[in-house]
Amino acid sequence: MKYAPVSRVIAFAAVFATVCTTPQSSAGESVPSCIAWSTAVRYRGIGYDHLVNIRSTCDKPADCEVWTNVNPDKQSVEVPQGHNVEVVTFLASPASVFEAHVACSLRPGS
């Protein structure tokens, strides 16, 4: 019986487990309709990195706050018009899942 080389199995597992992305809605938080966000988890061998990706199709910059159930400290981030921003909320967490919260407002007069 032939077995797949260990390096192939490890490479497949690494690619499969590297990033799990989940689109999110913003129930309960204030986010303009031109802002979309999603969460992602990356496994690094010592734990999971928690990421929140914010995508703007707005014609103005936005100021956003991001926090999670694992890291409740709010992080402030500027999202330029028409750009994507990745926010790292936790590095090397033992938790493979987390719940993110995002609140954004467009800058007036920009």
PDB file of N, CA and C in Angstrom:
ATOM      1  N   MET A   1       0.841  -1.177   0.000  1.00  0.00           N
ATOM      2  CA  MET A   1       0.000   0.000   0.000  1.00  0.00           C
ATOM      3  C   MET A   1       0.882   1.234   0.000  1.00  0.00           C
ATOM      4  N   LYS A   2       0.571   2.187  -0.883  1.00  0.00           N
ATOM      5  CA  LYS A   2       1.339   3.428  -0.976  1.00  0.00           C
ATOM      6  C   LYS A   2       0.688   4.506  -0.116  1.00  0.00           C
ATOM      7  N   TYR A   3       1.510   5.281   0.531  1.00  0.00           N
ATOM      8  CA  TYR A   3       1.036   6.405   1.327  1.00  0.00           C
ATOM      9  C   TYR A   3       1.556   7.693   0.722  1.00  0.00           C
ATOM     10  N   ALA A   4       0.793   8.754   0.880  1.00  0.00           N
ATOM     11  CA  ALA A   4       1.245  10.061   0.416  1.00  0.00           C
ATOM     12  C   ALA A   4       2.438  10.486   1.254  1.00  0.00           C
ATOM     13  N   PRO A   5       3.415  11.076   0.627  1.00  0.00           N
ATOM     14  CA  PRO A   5       4.551  11.561   1.409  1.00  0.00           C
ATOM     15  C   PRO A   5       4.069  12.502   2.512  1.00  0.00           C
ATOM     16  N   VAL A   6       4.728  12.393   3.644  1.00  0.00           N
ATOM     17  CA  VAL A   6       4.353  13.202   4.802  1.00  0.00           C
ATOM     18  C   VAL A   6       4.367  14.682   4.457  1.00  0.00           C
ATOM     19  N   SER A   7       5.318  15.123   3.643  1.00  0.00           N
ATOM     20  CA  SER A   7       5.401  16.545   3.308  1.00  0.00           C
ATOM     21  C   SER A   7       4.150  17.008   2.574  1.00  0.00           C
ATOM     22  N   ARG A   8       3.569  16.161   1.716  1.00  0.00           N
ATOM     23  CA  ARG A   8       2.331  16.542   1.029  1.00  0.00           C
ATOM     24  C   ARG A   8       1.174  16.671   2.003  1.00  0.00           C
ATOM     25  N   VAL A   9       1.091  15.733   2.933  1.00  0.00           N
ATOM     26  CA  VAL A   9       0.008  15.771   3.920  1.00  0.00           C
ATOM     27  C   VAL A   9       0.143  17.016   4.781  1.00  0.00           C
ATOM     28  N   ILE A  10       1.344  17.313   5.209  1.00  0.00           N
ATOM     29  CA  ILE A  10       1.566  18.505   6.042  1.00  0.00           C
ATOM     30  C   ILE A  10       1.263  19.766   5.246  1.00  0.00           C
ATOM     31  N   ALA A  11       1.702  19.821   3.993  1.00  0.00           N
ATOM     32  CA  ALA A  11       1.428  20.999   3.167  1.00  0.00           C
ATOM     33  C   ALA A  11      -0.069  21.191   2.978  1.00  0.00           C
ATOM     34  N   PHE A  12      -0.804  20.118   2.718  1.00  0.00           N
ATOM     35  CA  PHE A  12      -2.249  20.228   2.560  1.00  0.00           C
ATOM     36  C   PHE A  12      -2.893  20.726   3.850  1.00  0.00           C
ATOM     37  N   ALA A  13      -2.500  20.161   4.967  1.00  0.00           N
ATOM     38  CA  ALA A  13      -3.066  20.581   6.253  1.00  0.00           C
ATOM     39  C   ALA A  13      -2.744  22.041   6.532  1.00  0.00           C
ATOM     40  N   ALA A  14      -1.530  22.460   6.199  1.00  0.00           N
ATOM     41  CA  ALA A  14      -1.149  23.852   6.446  1.00  0.00           C
ATOM     42  C   ALA A  14      -1.974  24.805   5.597  1.00  0.00           C
ATOM     43  N   VAL A  15      -2.168  24.469   4.323  1.00  0.00           N
ATOM     44  CA  VAL A  15      -2.969  25.329   3.457  1.00  0.00           C
ATOM     45  C   VAL A  15      -4.407  25.341   3.908  1.00  0.00           C
ATOM     46  N   PHE A  16      -4.952  24.193   4.257  1.00  0.00           N
ATOM     47  CA  PHE A  16      -6.347  24.098   4.673  1.00  0.00           C
ATOM     48  C   PHE A  16      -6.600  24.845   5.972  1.00  0.00           C
ATOM     49  N   ALA A  17      -5.668  24.755   6.915  1.00  0.00           N
ATOM     50  CA  ALA A  17      -5.883  25.336   8.240  1.00  0.00           C
ATOM     51  C   ALA A  17      -5.317  26.739   8.375  1.00  0.00           C
ATOM     52  N   THR A  18      -4.613  27.230   7.381  1.00  0.00           N
ATOM     53  CA  THR A  18      -3.957  28.522   7.520  1.00  0.00           C
ATOM     54  C   THR A  18      -4.944  29.658   7.713  1.00  0.00           C
ATOM     55  N   VAL A  19      -5.954  29.751   6.875  1.00  0.00           N
ATOM     56  CA  VAL A  19      -6.885  30.863   6.975  1.00  0.00           C
ATOM     57  C   VAL A  19      -8.304  30.353   6.826  1.00  0.00           C
ATOM     58  N   CYS A  20      -9.108  30.643   7.803  1.00  0.00           N
ATOM     59  CA  CYS A  20     -10.535  30.376   7.729  1.00  0.00           C
ATOM     60  C   CYS A  20     -11.222  31.735   7.814  1.00  0.00           C
ATOM     61  N   THR A  21     -11.919  32.116   6.774  1.00  0.00           N
ATOM     62  CA  THR A  21     -12.544  33.433   6.721  1.00  0.00           C
ATOM     63  C   THR A  21     -14.044  33.301   6.839  1.00  0.00           C
ATOM     64  N   THR A  22     -14.647  34.162   7.631  1.00  0.00           N
ATOM     65  CA  THR A  22     -16.082  34.152   7.814  1.00  0.00           C
ATOM     66  C   THR A  22     -16.631  35.547   7.591  1.00  0.00           C
ATOM     67  N   PRO A  23     -17.494  35.727   6.561  1.00  0.00           N
ATOM     68  CA  PRO A  23     -18.132  37.034   6.388  1.00  0.00           C
ATOM     69  C   PRO A  23     -19.029  37.334   7.587  1.00  0.00           C
ATOM     70  N   GLN A  24     -19.123  38.576   7.926  1.00  0.00           N
ATOM     71  CA  GLN A  24     -19.908  38.965   9.094  1.00  0.00           C
ATOM     72  C   GLN A  24     -20.906  40.051   8.735  1.00  0.00           C
ATOM     73  N   SER A  25     -21.971  40.077   9.476  1.00  0.00           N
ATOM     74  CA  SER A  25     -22.883  41.215   9.401  1.00  0.00           C
ATOM     75  C   SER A  25     -22.614  42.069  10.621  1.00  0.00           C
ATOM     76  N   SER A  26     -23.236  43.193  10.686  1.00  0.00           N
ATOM     77  CA  SER A  26     -22.953  44.118  11.775  1.00  0.00           C
ATOM     78  C   SER A  26     -24.171  44.367  12.639  1.00  0.00           C
ATOM     79  N   ALA A  27     -24.852  43.311  12.981  1.00  0.00           N
ATOM     80  CA  ALA A  27     -26.030  43.465  13.824  1.00  0.00           C
ATOM     81  C   ALA A  27     -25.631  44.092  15.156  1.00  0.00           C
ATOM     82  N   GLY A  28     -26.282  45.166  15.504  1.00  0.00           N
ATOM     83  CA  GLY A  28     -26.024  45.811  16.778  1.00  0.00           C
ATOM     84  C   GLY A  28     -24.954  46.882  16.733  1.00  0.00           C
ATOM     85  N   GLU A  29     -24.075  46.854  15.746  1.00  0.00           N
ATOM     86  CA  GLU A  29     -23.059  47.883  15.620  1.00  0.00           C
ATOM     87  C   GLU A  29     -23.415  48.804  14.463  1.00  0.00           C
ATOM     88  N   SER A  30     -22.840  49.988  14.485  1.00  0.00           N
ATOM     89  CA  SER A  30     -23.103  50.974  13.445  1.00  0.00           C
ATOM     90  C   SER A  30     -22.006  50.891  12.387  1.00  0.00           C
ATOM     91  N   VAL A  31     -22.387  50.458  11.179  1.00  0.00           N
ATOM     92  CA  VAL A  31     -21.448  50.363  10.075  1.00  0.00           C
ATOM     93  C   VAL A  31     -22.151  50.857   8.817  1.00  0.00           C
ATOM     94  N   PRO A  32     -21.566  51.832   8.106  1.00  0.00           N
ATOM     95  CA  PRO A  32     -22.185  52.296   6.857  1.00  0.00           C
ATOM     96  C   PRO A  32     -22.289  51.147   5.844  1.00  0.00           C
ATOM     97  N   SER A  33     -23.233  51.265   4.932  1.00  0.00           N
ATOM     98  CA  SER A  33     -23.463  50.194   3.953  1.00  0.00           C
ATOM     99  C   SER A  33     -22.288  50.003   2.997  1.00  0.00           C
ATOM    100  N   CYS A  34     -21.396  50.983   2.886  1.00  0.00           N
ATOM    101  CA  CYS A  34     -20.236  50.855   1.994  1.00  0.00           C
ATOM    102  C   CYS A  34     -19.041  50.188   2.688  1.00  0.00           C
ATOM    103  N   ILE A  35     -19.236  49.736   3.923  1.00  0.00           N
ATOM    104  CA  ILE A  35     -18.196  49.028   4.668  1.00  0.00           C
ATOM    105  C   ILE A  35     -18.646  47.579   4.846  1.00  0.00           C
ATOM    106  N   ALA A  36     -17.763  46.648   4.512  1.00  0.00           N
ATOM    107  CA  ALA A  36     -18.000  45.225   4.765  1.00  0.00           C
ATOM    108  C   ALA A  36     -16.827  44.699   5.576  1.00  0.00           C
ATOM    109  N   TRP A  37     -17.079  43.713   6.405  1.00  0.00           N
ATOM    110  CA  TRP A  37     -15.991  43.154   7.187  1.00  0.00           C
ATOM    111  C   TRP A  37     -16.164  41.657   7.358  1.00  0.00           C
ATOM    112  N   SER A  38     -15.063  41.000   7.635  1.00  0.00           N
ATOM    113  CA  SER A  38     -15.066  39.557   7.849  1.00  0.00           C
ATOM    114  C   SER A  38     -13.977  39.215   8.855  1.00  0.00           C
ATOM    115  N   THR A  39     -14.075  38.020   9.412  1.00  0.00           N
ATOM    116  CA  THR A  39     -13.057  37.554  10.344  1.00  0.00           C
ATOM    117  C   THR A  39     -12.237  36.458   9.684  1.00  0.00           C
ATOM    118  N   ALA A  40     -11.032  36.281  10.179  1.00  0.00           N
ATOM    119  CA  ALA A  40     -10.168  35.206   9.702  1.00  0.00           C
ATOM    120  C   ALA A  40      -9.335  34.703  10.871  1.00  0.00           C
ATOM    121  N   VAL A  41      -8.984  33.432  10.799  1.00  0.00           N
ATOM    122  CA  VAL A  41      -8.125  32.807  11.799  1.00  0.00           C
ATOM    123  C   VAL A  41      -6.972  32.151  11.059  1.00  0.00           C
ATOM    124  N   ARG A  42      -5.746  32.425  11.498  1.00  0.00           N
ATOM    125  CA  ARG A  42      -4.566  31.790  10.919  1.00  0.00           C
ATOM    126  C   ARG A  42      -3.856  30.988  11.998  1.00  0.00           C
ATOM    127  N   TYR A  43      -3.604  29.737  11.702  1.00  0.00           N
ATOM    128  CA  TYR A  43      -2.863  28.894  12.639  1.00  0.00           C
ATOM    129  C   TYR A  43      -1.377  29.015  12.370  1.00  0.00           C
ATOM    130  N   ARG A  44      -0.579  29.225  13.427  1.00  0.00           N
ATOM    131  CA  ARG A  44       0.862  29.413  13.274  1.00  0.00           C
ATOM    132  C   ARG A  44       1.679  28.389  14.046  1.00  0.00           C
ATOM    133  N   GLY A  45       1.129  27.272  14.433  1.00  0.00           N
ATOM    134  CA  GLY A  45       1.900  26.267  15.161  1.00  0.00           C
ATOM    135  C   GLY A  45       1.916  26.494  16.661  1.00  0.00           C
ATOM    136  N   ILE A  46       1.885  27.744  17.091  1.00  0.00           N
ATOM    137  CA  ILE A  46       1.877  28.039  18.532  1.00  0.00           C
ATOM    138  C   ILE A  46       0.527  28.567  18.990  1.00  0.00           C
ATOM    139  N   GLY A  47      -0.379  28.751  18.056  1.00  0.00           N
ATOM    140  CA  GLY A  47      -1.706  29.262  18.383  1.00  0.00           C
ATOM    141  C   GLY A  47      -2.340  29.888  17.161  1.00  0.00           C
ATOM    142  N   TYR A  48      -3.463  30.524  17.370  1.00  0.00           N
ATOM    143  CA  TYR A  48      -4.253  31.096  16.292  1.00  0.00           C
ATOM    144  C   TYR A  48      -4.194  32.622  16.335  1.00  0.00           C
ATOM    145  N   ASP A  49      -3.924  33.224  15.185  1.00  0.00           N
ATOM    146  CA  ASP A  49      -4.002  34.673  15.066  1.00  0.00           C
ATOM    147  C   ASP A  49      -5.421  35.046  14.670  1.00  0.00           C
ATOM    148  N   HIS A  50      -5.987  36.004  15.355  1.00  0.00           N
ATOM    149  CA  HIS A  50      -7.353  36.479  15.073  1.00  0.00           C
ATOM    150  C   HIS A  50      -7.266  37.769  14.278  1.00  0.00           C
ATOM    151  N   LEU A  51      -7.942  37.798  13.134  1.00  0.00           N
ATOM    152  CA  LEU A  51      -7.883  38.936  12.227  1.00  0.00           C
ATOM    153  C   LEU A  51      -9.283  39.403  11.867  1.00  0.00           C
ATOM    154  N   VAL A  52      -9.420  40.697  11.701  1.00  0.00           N
ATOM    155  CA  VAL A  52     -10.663  41.281  11.195  1.00  0.00           C
ATOM    156  C   VAL A  52     -10.279  42.075   9.950  1.00  0.00           C
ATOM    157  N   ASN A  53     -10.897  41.749   8.825  1.00  0.00           N
ATOM    158  CA  ASN A  53     -10.649  42.433   7.558  1.00  0.00           C
ATOM    159  C   ASN A  53     -11.791  43.399   7.287  1.00  0.00           C
ATOM    160  N   ILE A  54     -11.461  44.661   7.059  1.00  0.00           N
ATOM    161  CA  ILE A  54     -12.467  45.687   6.782  1.00  0.00           C
ATOM    162  C   ILE A  54     -12.254  46.177   5.354  1.00  0.00           C
ATOM    163  N   ARG A  55     -13.303  46.140   4.555  1.00  0.00           N
ATOM    164  CA  ARG A  55     -13.245  46.571   3.151  1.00  0.00           C
ATOM    165  C   ARG A  55     -14.172  47.762   2.960  1.00  0.00           C
ATOM    166  N   SER A  56     -13.623  48.827   2.384  1.00  0.00           N
ATOM    167  CA  SER A  56     -14.404  50.040   2.152  1.00  0.00           C
ATOM    168  C   SER A  56     -14.597  50.267   0.659  1.00  0.00           C
ATOM    169  N   THR A  57     -15.836  50.540   0.284  1.00  0.00           N
ATOM    170  CA  THR A  57     -16.132  51.031  -1.062  1.00  0.00           C
ATOM    171  C   THR A  57     -16.686  52.454  -0.955  1.00  0.00           C
ATOM    172  N   CYS A  58     -16.448  53.074   0.187  1.00  0.00           N
ATOM    173  CA  CYS A  58     -16.948  54.419   0.465  1.00  0.00           C
ATOM    174  C   CYS A  58     -16.156  55.466  -0.309  1.00  0.00           C
ATOM    175  N   ASP A  59     -16.777  56.631  -0.506  1.00  0.00           N
ATOM    176  CA  ASP A  59     -16.078  57.741  -1.161  1.00  0.00           C
ATOM    177  C   ASP A  59     -15.459  58.689  -0.136  1.00  0.00           C
ATOM    178  N   LYS A  60     -15.487  58.298   1.140  1.00  0.00           N
ATOM    179  CA  LYS A  60     -14.855  59.053   2.221  1.00  0.00           C
ATOM    180  C   LYS A  60     -14.106  58.077   3.119  1.00  0.00           C
ATOM    181  N   PRO A  61     -13.069  58.541   3.822  1.00  0.00           N
ATOM    182  CA  PRO A  61     -12.412  57.674   4.800  1.00  0.00           C
ATOM    183  C   PRO A  61     -13.363  57.366   5.961  1.00  0.00           C
ATOM    184  N   ALA A  62     -13.110  56.253   6.617  1.00  0.00           N
ATOM    185  CA  ALA A  62     -13.929  55.863   7.771  1.00  0.00           C
ATOM    186  C   ALA A  62     -13.032  55.647   8.983  1.00  0.00           C
ATOM    187  N   ASP A  63     -13.574  55.962  10.138  1.00  0.00           N
ATOM    188  CA  ASP A  63     -12.929  55.653  11.412  1.00  0.00           C
ATOM    189  C   ASP A  63     -13.691  54.491  12.023  1.00  0.00           C
ATOM    190  N   CYS A  64     -12.968  53.406  12.346  1.00  0.00           N
ATOM    191  CA  CYS A  64     -13.621  52.209  12.867  1.00  0.00           C
ATOM    192  C   CYS A  64     -13.019  51.812  14.207  1.00  0.00           C
ATOM    193  N   GLU A  65     -13.823  51.131  14.996  1.00  0.00           N
ATOM    194  CA  GLU A  65     -13.368  50.498  16.228  1.00  0.00           C
ATOM    195  C   GLU A  65     -13.634  49.012  16.081  1.00  0.00           C
ATOM    196  N   VAL A  66     -12.667  48.203  16.495  1.00  0.00           N
ATOM    197  CA  VAL A  66     -12.758  46.754  16.388  1.00  0.00           C
ATOM    198  C   VAL A  66     -12.457  46.157  17.762  1.00  0.00           C
ATOM    199  N   TRP A  67     -13.276  45.207  18.186  1.00  0.00           N
ATOM    200  CA  TRP A  67     -13.024  44.479  19.423  1.00  0.00           C
ATOM    201  C   TRP A  67     -13.604  43.084  19.285  1.00  0.00           C
ATOM    202  N   THR A  68     -13.192  42.172  20.152  1.00  0.00           N
ATOM    203  CA  THR A  68     -13.659  40.793  20.079  1.00  0.00           C
ATOM    204  C   THR A  68     -13.995  40.274  21.465  1.00  0.00           C
ATOM    205  N   ASN A  69     -14.593  39.101  21.486  1.00  0.00           N
ATOM    206  CA  ASN A  69     -14.879  38.473  22.772  1.00  0.00           C
ATOM    207  C   ASN A  69     -13.590  37.965  23.431  1.00  0.00           C
ATOM    208  N   VAL A  70     -12.538  37.744  22.646  1.00  0.00           N
ATOM    209  CA  VAL A  70     -11.261  37.298  23.193  1.00  0.00           C
ATOM    210  C   VAL A  70     -10.412  38.489  23.642  1.00  0.00           C
ATOM    211  N   ASN A  71     -10.502  39.594  22.909  1.00  0.00           N
ATOM    212  CA  ASN A  71      -9.783  40.829  23.255  1.00  0.00           C
ATOM    213  C   ASN A  71     -10.778  41.990  23.237  1.00  0.00           C
ATOM    214  N   PRO A  72     -11.382  42.284  24.377  1.00  0.00           N
ATOM    215  CA  PRO A  72     -12.409  43.335  24.419  1.00  0.00           C
ATOM    216  C   PRO A  72     -11.873  44.759  24.356  1.00  0.00           C
ATOM    217  N   ASP A  73     -10.540  44.933  24.357  1.00  0.00           N
ATOM    218  CA  ASP A  73      -9.972  46.279  24.225  1.00  0.00           C
ATOM    219  C   ASP A  73     -10.204  46.775  22.803  1.00  0.00           C
ATOM    220  N   LYS A  74     -10.883  47.919  22.671  1.00  0.00           N
ATOM    221  CA  LYS A  74     -11.199  48.451  21.347  1.00  0.00           C
ATOM    222  C   LYS A  74      -9.949  48.990  20.672  1.00  0.00           C
ATOM    223  N   GLN A  75      -9.802  48.618  19.399  1.00  0.00           N
ATOM    224  CA  GLN A  75      -8.713  49.139  18.575  1.00  0.00           C
ATOM    225  C   GLN A  75      -9.302  50.119  17.579  1.00  0.00           C
ATOM    226  N   SER A  76      -8.713  51.290  17.480  1.00  0.00           N
ATOM    227  CA  SER A  76      -9.161  52.289  16.513  1.00  0.00           C
ATOM    228  C   SER A  76      -8.340  52.145  15.243  1.00  0.00           C
ATOM    229  N   VAL A  77      -9.035  52.200  14.106  1.00  0.00           N
ATOM    230  CA  VAL A  77      -8.353  52.045  12.829  1.00  0.00           C
ATOM    231  C   VAL A  77      -8.974  52.982  11.807  1.00  0.00           C
ATOM    232  N   GLU A  78      -8.132  53.583  10.978  1.00  0.00           N
ATOM    233  CA  GLU A  78      -8.613  54.406   9.880  1.00  0.00           C
ATOM    234  C   GLU A  78      -8.676  53.529   8.641  1.00  0.00           C
ATOM    235  N   VAL A  79      -9.796  53.591   7.936  1.00  0.00           N
ATOM    236  CA  VAL A  79      -9.961  52.849   6.692  1.00  0.00           C
ATOM    237  C   VAL A  79     -10.081  53.881   5.571  1.00  0.00           C
ATOM    238  N   PRO A  80      -9.035  54.034   4.757  1.00  0.00           N
ATOM    239  CA  PRO A  80      -9.097  55.004   3.659  1.00  0.00           C
ATOM    240  C   PRO A  80     -10.187  54.631   2.655  1.00  0.00           C
ATOM    241  N   GLN A  81     -10.688  55.610   1.962  1.00  0.00           N
ATOM    242  CA  GLN A  81     -11.740  55.350   0.975  1.00  0.00           C
ATOM    243  C   GLN A  81     -11.250  54.351  -0.064  1.00  0.00           C
ATOM    244  N   GLY A  82     -12.083  53.351  -0.339  1.00  0.00           N
ATOM    245  CA  GLY A  82     -11.774  52.361  -1.354  1.00  0.00           C
ATOM    246  C   GLY A  82     -10.650  51.389  -1.009  1.00  0.00           C
ATOM    247  N   HIS A  83     -10.298  51.253   0.253  1.00  0.00           N
ATOM    248  CA  HIS A  83      -9.194  50.372   0.652  1.00  0.00           C
ATOM    249  C   HIS A  83      -9.678  49.255   1.569  1.00  0.00           C
ATOM    250  N   ASN A  84      -8.786  48.276   1.747  1.00  0.00           N
ATOM    251  CA  ASN A  84      -8.992  47.181   2.701  1.00  0.00           C
ATOM    252  C   ASN A  84      -7.972  47.338   3.818  1.00  0.00           C
ATOM    253  N   VAL A  85      -8.386  47.018   5.041  1.00  0.00           N
ATOM    254  CA  VAL A  85      -7.501  47.081   6.195  1.00  0.00           C
ATOM    255  C   VAL A  85      -7.658  45.783   6.977  1.00  0.00           C
ATOM    256  N   GLU A  86      -6.523  45.202   7.365  1.00  0.00           N
ATOM    257  CA  GLU A  86      -6.535  44.001   8.197  1.00  0.00           C
ATOM    258  C   GLU A  86      -6.135  44.396   9.609  1.00  0.00           C
ATOM    259  N   VAL A  87      -6.955  44.036  10.585  1.00  0.00           N
ATOM    260  CA  VAL A  87      -6.700  44.360  11.989  1.00  0.00           C
ATOM    261  C   VAL A  87      -6.396  43.058  12.723  1.00  0.00           C
ATOM    262  N   VAL A  88      -5.230  42.985  13.331  1.00  0.00           N
ATOM    263  CA  VAL A  88      -4.867  41.823  14.136  1.00  0.00           C
ATOM    264  C   VAL A  88      -5.355  42.092  15.551  1.00  0.00           C
ATOM    265  N   THR A  89      -6.256  41.247  16.037  1.00  0.00           N
ATOM    266  CA  THR A  89      -6.817  41.476  17.370  1.00  0.00           C
ATOM    267  C   THR A  89      -6.182  40.592  18.433  1.00  0.00           C
ATOM    268  N   PHE A  90      -5.529  39.495  18.004  1.00  0.00           N
ATOM    269  CA  PHE A  90      -4.881  38.597  18.970  1.00  0.00           C
ATOM    270  C   PHE A  90      -3.875  37.734  18.232  1.00  0.00           C
ATOM    271  N   LEU A  91      -2.701  37.551  18.814  1.00  0.00           N
ATOM    272  CA  LEU A  91      -1.674  36.678  18.244  1.00  0.00           C
ATOM    273  C   LEU A  91      -1.496  35.448  19.128  1.00  0.00           C
ATOM    274  N   ALA A  92      -1.383  34.288  18.499  1.00  0.00           N
ATOM    275  CA  ALA A  92      -1.086  33.023  19.187  1.00  0.00           C
ATOM    276  C   ALA A  92      -2.114  32.668  20.261  1.00  0.00           C
ATOM    277  N   SER A  93      -3.374  32.880  19.961  1.00  0.00           N
ATOM    278  CA  SER A  93      -4.438  32.533  20.896  1.00  0.00           C
ATOM    279  C   SER A  93      -4.650  31.024  20.920  1.00  0.00           C
ATOM    280  N   PRO A  94      -4.996  30.456  22.060  1.00  0.00           N
ATOM    281  CA  PRO A  94      -5.356  29.040  22.083  1.00  0.00           C
ATOM    282  C   PRO A  94      -6.748  28.806  21.469  1.00  0.00           C
ATOM    283  N   ALA A  95      -7.528  29.860  21.311  1.00  0.00           N
ATOM    284  CA  ALA A  95      -8.890  29.742  20.775  1.00  0.00           C
ATOM    285  C   ALA A  95      -8.869  29.792  19.248  1.00  0.00           C
ATOM    286  N   SER A  96      -9.530  28.828  18.623  1.00  0.00           N
ATOM    287  CA  SER A  96      -9.579  28.799  17.158  1.00  0.00           C
ATOM    288  C   SER A  96     -10.783  29.550  16.604  1.00  0.00           C
ATOM    289  N   VAL A  97     -11.645  30.011  17.461  1.00  0.00           N
ATOM    290  CA  VAL A  97     -12.808  30.800  17.027  1.00  0.00           C
ATOM    291  C   VAL A  97     -12.912  32.040  17.907  1.00  0.00           C
ATOM    292  N   PHE A  98     -13.500  33.088  17.336  1.00  0.00           N
ATOM    293  CA  PHE A  98     -13.744  34.309  18.105  1.00  0.00           C
ATOM    294  C   PHE A  98     -14.900  35.053  17.472  1.00  0.00           C
ATOM    295  N   GLU A  99     -15.465  35.963  18.242  1.00  0.00           N
ATOM    296  CA  GLU A  99     -16.578  36.792  17.767  1.00  0.00           C
ATOM    297  C   GLU A  99     -16.108  38.241  17.731  1.00  0.00           C
ATOM    298  N   ALA A 100     -16.193  38.849  16.548  1.00  0.00           N
ATOM    299  CA  ALA A 100     -15.724  40.223  16.390  1.00  0.00           C
ATOM    300  C   ALA A 100     -16.883  41.202  16.372  1.00  0.00           C
ATOM    301  N   HIS A 101     -16.567  42.439  16.703  1.00  0.00           N
ATOM    302  CA  HIS A 101     -17.521  43.549  16.654  1.00  0.00           C
ATOM    303  C   HIS A 101     -16.817  44.712  15.962  1.00  0.00           C
ATOM    304  N   VAL A 102     -17.526  45.353  15.048  1.00  0.00           N
ATOM    305  CA  VAL A 102     -16.968  46.471  14.294  1.00  0.00           C
ATOM    306  C   VAL A 102     -17.984  47.604  14.288  1.00  0.00           C
ATOM    307  N   ALA A 103     -17.521  48.802  14.593  1.00  0.00           N
ATOM    308  CA  ALA A 103     -18.354  50.001  14.504  1.00  0.00           C
ATOM    309  C   ALA A 103     -17.568  51.046  13.717  1.00  0.00           C
ATOM    310  N   CYS A 104     -18.178  51.616  12.696  1.00  0.00           N
ATOM    311  CA  CYS A 104     -17.488  52.587  11.842  1.00  0.00           C
ATOM    312  C   CYS A 104     -18.368  53.810  11.584  1.00  0.00           C
ATOM    313  N   SER A 105     -17.697  54.926  11.338  1.00  0.00           N
ATOM    314  CA  SER A 105     -18.408  56.130  10.906  1.00  0.00           C
ATOM    315  C   SER A 105     -17.561  56.812   9.842  1.00  0.00           C
ATOM    316  N   LEU A 106     -18.241  57.395   8.867  1.00  0.00           N
ATOM    317  CA  LEU A 106     -17.545  58.118   7.805  1.00  0.00           C
ATOM    318  C   LEU A 106     -17.130  59.485   8.320  1.00  0.00           C
ATOM    319  N   ARG A 107     -15.998  59.954   7.868  1.00  0.00           N
ATOM    320  CA  ARG A 107     -15.533  61.276   8.257  1.00  0.00           C
ATOM    321  C   ARG A 107     -16.335  62.322   7.509  1.00  0.00           C
ATOM    322  N   PRO A 108     -16.875  63.289   8.232  1.00  0.00           N
ATOM    323  CA  PRO A 108     -17.641  64.334   7.560  1.00  0.00           C
ATOM    324  C   PRO A 108     -16.712  65.276   6.777  1.00  0.00           C
ATOM    325  N   GLY A 109     -17.179  65.705   5.637  1.00  0.00           N
ATOM    326  CA  GLY A 109     -16.472  66.706   4.857  1.00  0.00           C
ATOM    327  C   GLY A 109     -15.173  66.264   4.240  1.00  0.00           C
ATOM    328  N   SER A 110     -14.883  64.989   4.235  1.00  0.00           N
ATOM    329  CA  SER A 110     -13.614  64.516   3.632  1.00  0.00           C
ATOM    330  C   SER A 110     -13.798  64.275   2.162  1.00  0.00           C
TER     331      SER A 110
END
